[in-house]
Amino acid sequence: MTKRQIAAFCAGTLVLIIVILGGCGDKSENLVIGDFAYPLHVGQV
C-alpha cells in the first residue's frame, strides 16, 4: 500500500469511529414510559 492509500484508510476509519460514537448517546432523560417500568433488581416493585 502506498502512503496515500494508508492515509485514506486511516481517515476513513477515523470518520467511521466518530460517526458510530456520535450515535451512541442517549438524549432521553425520562427512563419511564407510561405508568409501567420493568424492575431492575429482584424484589423491586
Protein backbone atom coordinates (compact mmCIF):
# COMPACT_ATOMS: atom_id res chain seq x y z
CA MET A 1 0.00 0.00 0.00
CA THR A 2 1.14 3.48 -0.76
CA LYS A 3 1.25 6.29 1.77
CA ARG A 4 -1.78 7.87 0.11
CA GLN A 5 -3.82 4.66 0.49
CA ILE A 6 -2.78 4.31 4.12
CA ALA A 7 -3.75 7.93 4.84
CA ALA A 8 -7.13 7.46 3.15
CA PHE A 9 -7.76 4.26 5.13
CA CYS A 10 -6.86 5.97 8.42
CA ALA A 11 -9.05 8.99 7.65
CA GLY A 12 -11.99 6.76 6.70
CA THR A 13 -11.57 4.69 9.86
CA LEU A 14 -11.46 7.84 11.99
CA VAL A 15 -14.63 9.21 10.38
CA LEU A 16 -16.39 5.87 10.90
CA ILE A 17 -15.45 5.79 14.59
CA ILE A 18 -16.65 9.38 15.08
CA VAL A 19 -19.99 8.61 13.40
CA ILE A 20 -20.53 5.45 15.46
CA LEU A 21 -19.64 7.13 18.75
CA GLY A 22 -21.79 10.14 17.91
CA GLY A 23 -24.87 7.94 17.58
CA CYS A 24 -24.32 6.19 20.92
CA GLY A 25 -25.59 8.97 23.16
CA ASP A 26 -28.96 8.67 24.90
CA LYS A 27 -30.70 12.02 24.72
CA SER A 28 -33.75 10.83 26.67
CA GLU A 29 -33.84 11.87 30.32
CA ASN A 30 -37.15 10.13 31.05
CA LEU A 31 -36.49 6.41 31.52
CA VAL A 32 -40.10 5.55 32.43
CA ILE A 33 -42.53 5.42 29.52
CA GLY A 34 -46.12 5.49 30.76
CA ASP A 35 -47.09 4.03 34.13
CA PHE A 36 -45.08 0.79 33.95
CA ALA A 37 -41.35 0.20 34.21
CA TYR A 38 -39.53 -3.12 34.45
CA PRO A 39 -37.88 -3.81 37.83
CA LEU A 40 -34.10 -3.59 37.74
CA HIS A 41 -33.42 -5.93 40.66
CA VAL A 42 -35.07 -8.98 42.21
CA GLY A 43 -37.72 -7.88 44.69
CA GLN A 44 -38.16 -4.41 43.23
CA VAL A 45 -41.74 -3.39 42.54
